[in-house]
């Protein structure tokens, strides 16, 4: 259950980084509300998951999911560059996330 919560928390990290693009100095209220809700849920789920998962592994996986998701959102919706090197690095990141899950007790 802790791993599912951690993955969900990583997804909310993608939500808050995406919202951050639109908050406009925290003047755009709907996007700011989305940012605040996402960051609260993301951090809260990380905290709950880290009760059962070693903190270093939990943080690395949470951050990795957030980074991976944010890069994919950037490429899919914001026209960020897609290249073979970026895709290879994304595969490496996914491998590291999976590896941390496999070696964490």
Protein backbone atom coordinates (compact mmCIF):
# COMPACT_ATOMS: atom_id res chain seq x y z
CA UNK A 1 0.00 0.00 0.00
CA UNK A 2 2.86 2.40 0.81
CA UNK A 3 4.26 2.06 -2.71
CA UNK A 4 0.88 2.86 -4.26
CA UNK A 5 0.62 5.97 -2.07
CA UNK A 6 4.15 6.97 -3.03
CA UNK A 7 3.39 6.60 -6.75
CA UNK A 8 0.21 8.63 -6.31
CA UNK A 9 2.20 11.28 -4.46
CA UNK A 10 4.65 11.41 -7.37
CA UNK A 11 1.73 11.94 -9.74
CA UNK A 12 0.52 14.86 -7.64
CA UNK A 13 4.06 16.25 -7.89
CA UNK A 14 3.57 16.33 -11.65
CA UNK A 15 0.32 18.18 -10.96
CA UNK A 16 1.93 20.86 -8.85
CA UNK A 17 4.81 21.42 -11.24
CA UNK A 18 2.37 21.72 -14.13
CA UNK A 19 0.18 24.16 -12.17
CA UNK A 20 3.27 26.20 -11.36
CA UNK A 21 3.57 27.06 -15.03
CA UNK A 22 0.25 28.94 -14.86
CA UNK A 23 0.09 30.53 -11.38
CA UNK A 24 1.41 33.87 -12.69
CA UNK A 25 3.01 35.00 -9.45
CA UNK A 26 0.15 33.33 -7.54
CA UNK A 27 -2.31 35.83 -9.05
CA UNK A 28 -4.14 33.19 -11.11
CA UNK A 29 -6.39 31.86 -8.34
CA UNK A 30 -7.65 28.61 -9.95
CA UNK A 31 -4.15 27.48 -10.89
CA UNK A 32 -2.80 28.58 -7.51
CA UNK A 33 -5.51 26.52 -5.79
CA UNK A 34 -4.58 23.54 -7.96
CA UNK A 35 -0.92 24.04 -7.08
CA UNK A 36 -1.64 24.25 -3.34
CA UNK A 37 -3.91 21.20 -3.39
CA UNK A 38 -1.43 19.16 -5.43
CA UNK A 39 1.60 20.09 -3.34
CA UNK A 40 -0.28 19.32 -0.12
CA UNK A 41 -1.42 15.92 -1.36
CA UNK A 42 1.99 15.12 -2.85
CA UNK A 43 3.93 15.93 0.30
CA UNK A 44 1.33 14.28 2.52
CA UNK A 45 1.46 11.05 0.56
CA UNK A 46 5.27 11.12 0.61
CA UNK A 47 5.18 11.48 4.39
CA UNK A 48 2.76 8.57 4.80
CA UNK A 49 4.71 6.33 2.43
CA UNK A 50 8.01 7.12 4.15
CA UNK A 51 6.67 5.56 7.35
CA UNK A 52 7.06 2.15 5.66
CA UNK A 53 9.61 2.78 2.91
CA UNK A 54 13.16 3.92 3.70
CA UNK A 55 13.17 7.71 3.45
CA UNK A 56 16.02 7.91 0.93
CA UNK A 57 14.36 5.44 -1.42
CA UNK A 58 10.93 7.04 -0.95
CA UNK A 59 12.24 10.51 -1.72
CA UNK A 60 14.24 9.34 -4.74
CA UNK A 61 11.28 7.46 -6.20
CA UNK A 62 8.86 10.33 -5.47
CA UNK A 63 11.22 12.86 -7.05
CA UNK A 64 11.95 10.56 -9.97
CA UNK A 65 8.26 10.06 -10.72
CA UNK A 66 7.75 13.81 -10.52
CA UNK A 67 10.70 14.53 -12.80
CA UNK A 68 9.70 11.85 -15.28
CA UNK A 69 6.09 12.99 -15.40
CA UNK A 70 7.02 16.64 -15.66
CA UNK A 71 9.37 15.97 -18.58
CA UNK A 72 6.70 13.92 -20.35
CA UNK A 73 4.04 16.62 -19.78
CA UNK A 74 6.47 19.23 -21.09
CA UNK A 75 7.14 17.23 -24.24
CA UNK A 76 3.49 16.27 -24.82
CA UNK A 77 1.74 19.57 -24.10
CA UNK A 78 4.28 22.38 -24.01
CA UNK A 79 6.41 21.67 -27.06
CA UNK A 80 9.60 20.84 -25.18
CA UNK A 81 12.18 19.10 -27.37
CA UNK A 82 12.00 15.35 -27.91
CA UNK A 83 15.29 13.74 -28.82
CA UNK A 84 16.84 10.31 -28.69
CA UNK A 85 19.12 11.38 -25.84
CA UNK A 86 16.22 12.72 -23.75
CA UNK A 87 14.24 9.54 -24.33
CA UNK A 88 17.25 7.40 -23.40
CA UNK A 89 17.71 9.38 -20.19
CA UNK A 90 14.01 8.94 -19.39
CA UNK A 91 14.39 5.17 -19.80
CA UNK A 92 17.38 5.31 -17.46
CA UNK A 93 15.34 7.26 -14.90
CA UNK A 94 12.52 4.70 -15.05
CA UNK A 95 15.10 1.93 -14.58
CA UNK A 96 16.52 3.66 -11.51
CA UNK A 97 13.04 4.13 -10.01
CA UNK A 98 12.20 0.46 -10.59
CA UNK A 99 15.57 -0.60 -9.20
CA UNK A 100 15.04 1.36 -5.99
CA UNK A 101 11.68 -0.31 -5.51
CA UNK A 102 13.22 -3.73 -6.06
CA UNK A 103 16.01 -3.26 -3.50
CA UNK A 104 13.93 -1.50 -0.81
CA UNK A 105 12.46 -3.71 1.88
